[in-house]
N, C-alpha and C. Protein backbone atom coordinates (compact mmCIF):
# COMPACT_ATOMS: atom_id res chain seq x y z
N UNK A 1 -71.35 34.89 51.10
CA UNK A 1 -72.56 34.95 50.33
C UNK A 1 -72.86 33.54 49.81
N UNK A 2 -74.06 33.09 50.00
CA UNK A 2 -74.41 31.75 49.54
C UNK A 2 -75.09 31.82 48.16
N UNK A 3 -75.44 30.66 47.66
CA UNK A 3 -76.02 30.56 46.32
C UNK A 3 -77.37 31.27 46.23
N UNK A 4 -78.16 31.20 47.29
CA UNK A 4 -79.48 31.83 47.30
C UNK A 4 -79.35 33.35 47.16
N UNK A 5 -78.43 33.94 47.88
CA UNK A 5 -78.22 35.39 47.83
C UNK A 5 -77.69 35.82 46.46
N UNK A 6 -76.74 35.06 45.94
CA UNK A 6 -76.17 35.38 44.63
C UNK A 6 -77.23 35.30 43.54
N UNK A 7 -78.03 34.24 43.56
CA UNK A 7 -79.10 34.09 42.56
C UNK A 7 -80.12 35.22 42.69
N UNK A 8 -80.45 35.60 43.92
CA UNK A 8 -81.40 36.69 44.14
C UNK A 8 -80.89 38.00 43.59
N UNK A 9 -79.62 38.30 43.81
CA UNK A 9 -79.04 39.54 43.31
C UNK A 9 -79.02 39.55 41.78
N UNK A 10 -78.64 38.41 41.17
CA UNK A 10 -78.60 38.32 39.71
C UNK A 10 -80.00 38.52 39.12
N UNK A 11 -81.00 37.90 39.74
CA UNK A 11 -82.38 38.05 39.24
C UNK A 11 -82.88 39.49 39.38
N UNK A 12 -82.57 40.13 40.50
CA UNK A 12 -83.02 41.51 40.69
C UNK A 12 -82.36 42.44 39.67
N UNK A 13 -81.05 42.31 39.49
CA UNK A 13 -80.34 43.18 38.54
C UNK A 13 -80.82 42.91 37.12
N UNK A 14 -80.95 41.64 36.74
CA UNK A 14 -81.44 41.32 35.40
C UNK A 14 -82.86 41.81 35.17
N UNK A 15 -83.72 41.64 36.17
CA UNK A 15 -85.09 42.12 36.05
C UNK A 15 -85.16 43.63 35.90
N UNK A 16 -84.34 44.34 36.66
CA UNK A 16 -84.32 45.80 36.55
C UNK A 16 -83.81 46.26 35.19
N UNK A 17 -82.80 45.56 34.65
CA UNK A 17 -82.29 45.93 33.33
C UNK A 17 -83.35 45.72 32.24
N UNK A 18 -84.03 44.59 32.28
CA UNK A 18 -85.06 44.32 31.28
C UNK A 18 -86.20 45.32 31.40
N UNK A 19 -86.61 45.63 32.61
CA UNK A 19 -87.70 46.60 32.79
C UNK A 19 -87.28 48.01 32.40
N UNK A 20 -86.04 48.38 32.66
CA UNK A 20 -85.62 49.74 32.36
C UNK A 20 -85.52 49.99 30.85
N UNK A 21 -85.24 48.95 30.07
CA UNK A 21 -85.15 49.11 28.62
C UNK A 21 -86.41 48.64 27.89
N UNK A 22 -87.48 48.35 28.62
CA UNK A 22 -88.74 47.87 28.03
C UNK A 22 -88.53 46.61 27.20
N UNK A 23 -87.67 45.74 27.66
CA UNK A 23 -87.40 44.48 26.96
C UNK A 23 -86.11 44.54 26.17
N UNK A 24 -85.59 43.38 25.84
CA UNK A 24 -84.36 43.28 25.06
C UNK A 24 -84.64 42.51 23.79
N UNK A 25 -84.02 42.94 22.70
CA UNK A 25 -84.05 42.22 21.44
C UNK A 25 -82.62 41.85 21.09
N UNK A 26 -82.40 40.60 20.75
CA UNK A 26 -81.07 40.18 20.33
C UNK A 26 -81.20 39.15 19.22
N UNK A 27 -80.11 38.96 18.47
CA UNK A 27 -80.14 38.06 17.32
C UNK A 27 -79.22 36.87 17.58
N UNK A 28 -79.66 35.70 17.14
CA UNK A 28 -78.86 34.49 17.23
C UNK A 28 -78.69 33.91 15.82
N UNK A 29 -77.63 33.17 15.60
CA UNK A 29 -77.45 32.57 14.28
C UNK A 29 -78.54 31.56 13.98
N UNK A 30 -79.02 31.57 12.76
CA UNK A 30 -80.05 30.63 12.34
C UNK A 30 -79.46 29.55 11.46
N UNK A 31 -80.32 28.87 10.73
CA UNK A 31 -79.88 27.80 9.83
C UNK A 31 -79.29 28.41 8.56
N UNK A 32 -78.13 27.91 8.12
CA UNK A 32 -77.60 28.38 6.83
C UNK A 32 -78.45 27.83 5.68
N UNK A 33 -78.56 28.62 4.61
CA UNK A 33 -79.38 28.25 3.46
C UNK A 33 -78.47 28.15 2.24
N UNK A 34 -78.53 27.01 1.56
CA UNK A 34 -77.82 26.83 0.29
C UNK A 34 -78.86 26.77 -0.82
N UNK A 35 -78.82 27.75 -1.73
CA UNK A 35 -79.81 27.82 -2.80
C UNK A 35 -79.11 28.17 -4.10
N UNK A 36 -79.18 27.28 -5.07
CA UNK A 36 -78.57 27.47 -6.39
C UNK A 36 -77.09 27.82 -6.29
N UNK A 37 -76.39 27.15 -5.42
CA UNK A 37 -74.96 27.38 -5.28
C UNK A 37 -74.60 28.57 -4.41
N UNK A 38 -75.57 29.30 -3.91
CA UNK A 38 -75.31 30.44 -3.03
C UNK A 38 -75.45 29.99 -1.58
N UNK A 39 -74.55 30.44 -0.76
CA UNK A 39 -74.60 30.11 0.66
C UNK A 39 -74.98 31.39 1.42
N UNK A 40 -76.10 31.33 2.14
CA UNK A 40 -76.57 32.50 2.88
C UNK A 40 -76.71 32.15 4.36
N UNK A 41 -76.25 33.03 5.21
CA UNK A 41 -76.41 32.87 6.65
C UNK A 41 -77.68 33.60 7.08
N UNK A 42 -78.40 33.02 8.00
CA UNK A 42 -79.63 33.64 8.49
C UNK A 42 -79.48 33.95 9.98
N UNK A 43 -80.32 34.84 10.46
CA UNK A 43 -80.36 35.15 11.89
C UNK A 43 -81.80 35.03 12.38
N UNK A 44 -81.93 34.74 13.65
CA UNK A 44 -83.24 34.66 14.29
C UNK A 44 -83.29 35.75 15.35
N UNK A 45 -84.30 36.58 15.30
CA UNK A 45 -84.46 37.65 16.28
C UNK A 45 -85.24 37.14 17.48
N UNK A 46 -84.70 37.35 18.67
CA UNK A 46 -85.34 36.93 19.92
C UNK A 46 -85.69 38.17 20.73
N UNK A 47 -86.74 38.07 21.54
CA UNK A 47 -87.19 39.20 22.35
C UNK A 47 -87.47 38.73 23.77
N UNK A 48 -86.92 39.44 24.74
CA UNK A 48 -87.23 39.19 26.15
C UNK A 48 -88.18 40.29 26.59
N UNK A 49 -89.40 39.91 26.94
CA UNK A 49 -90.44 40.90 27.23
C UNK A 49 -90.28 41.47 28.64
N UNK A 50 -90.87 42.64 28.88
CA UNK A 50 -90.83 43.23 30.22
C UNK A 50 -91.52 42.36 31.27
N UNK A 51 -92.47 41.53 30.85
CA UNK A 51 -93.13 40.63 31.80
C UNK A 51 -92.16 39.64 32.41
N UNK A 52 -91.23 39.15 31.60
CA UNK A 52 -90.20 38.24 32.11
C UNK A 52 -89.29 38.99 33.09
N UNK A 53 -88.99 40.25 32.79
CA UNK A 53 -88.19 41.05 33.70
C UNK A 53 -88.88 41.27 35.04
N UNK A 54 -90.19 41.49 34.99
CA UNK A 54 -90.96 41.67 36.23
C UNK A 54 -90.96 40.39 37.05
N UNK A 55 -91.13 39.24 36.39
CA UNK A 55 -91.09 37.97 37.11
C UNK A 55 -89.72 37.71 37.72
N UNK A 56 -88.66 38.05 37.00
CA UNK A 56 -87.31 37.88 37.53
C UNK A 56 -87.09 38.79 38.74
N UNK A 57 -87.58 40.01 38.65
CA UNK A 57 -87.44 40.95 39.77
C UNK A 57 -88.19 40.45 41.00
N UNK A 58 -89.41 39.99 40.83
CA UNK A 58 -90.20 39.48 41.95
C UNK A 58 -89.55 38.23 42.54
N UNK A 59 -89.08 37.34 41.66
CA UNK A 59 -88.41 36.13 42.15
C UNK A 59 -87.13 36.43 42.90
N UNK A 60 -86.36 37.40 42.41
CA UNK A 60 -85.12 37.78 43.09
C UNK A 60 -85.39 38.39 44.45
N UNK A 61 -86.39 39.24 44.54
CA UNK A 61 -86.74 39.85 45.83
C UNK A 61 -87.22 38.77 46.80
N UNK A 62 -88.01 37.81 46.29
CA UNK A 62 -88.48 36.72 47.15
C UNK A 62 -87.32 35.88 47.67
N UNK A 63 -86.33 35.63 46.82
CA UNK A 63 -85.16 34.88 47.27
C UNK A 63 -84.37 35.64 48.33
N UNK A 64 -84.24 36.95 48.14
CA UNK A 64 -83.47 37.74 49.10
C UNK A 64 -84.19 37.89 50.44
N UNK A 65 -85.51 37.94 50.40
CA UNK A 65 -86.26 38.15 51.65
C UNK A 65 -86.64 36.85 52.35
N UNK A 66 -86.50 35.71 51.67
CA UNK A 66 -86.88 34.45 52.32
C UNK A 66 -85.86 34.09 53.39
N UNK A 67 -86.36 33.46 54.42
CA UNK A 67 -85.51 33.07 55.54
C UNK A 67 -85.62 31.55 55.70
N UNK A 68 -84.68 30.80 55.11
CA UNK A 68 -84.78 29.35 55.20
C UNK A 68 -84.52 28.88 56.63
N UNK A 69 -85.27 27.87 57.04
CA UNK A 69 -85.08 27.33 58.37
C UNK A 69 -83.90 26.37 58.36
N UNK A 70 -83.04 26.52 59.33
CA UNK A 70 -81.86 25.66 59.44
C UNK A 70 -82.25 24.40 60.20
N UNK A 71 -81.90 23.25 59.64
CA UNK A 71 -82.17 21.99 60.30
C UNK A 71 -80.84 21.46 60.81
N UNK A 72 -80.76 21.25 62.12
CA UNK A 72 -79.50 20.79 62.72
C UNK A 72 -79.54 19.32 63.02
């Protein structure tokens, strides 16, 4: 299996997962806040929309179906 096939499979599987769950929401650590001697940790909520999943699915299928010409 070459890199093109592996990338295509990863994109198809990732696209299907995002589309099946109507997008993903996940949290990442944000900037810590120090206020009046109190230290508070913050989080940033991120969202991967179904549109990105559809683009990944289409791109993965295109990679799997493309036939690169071999130059000898």
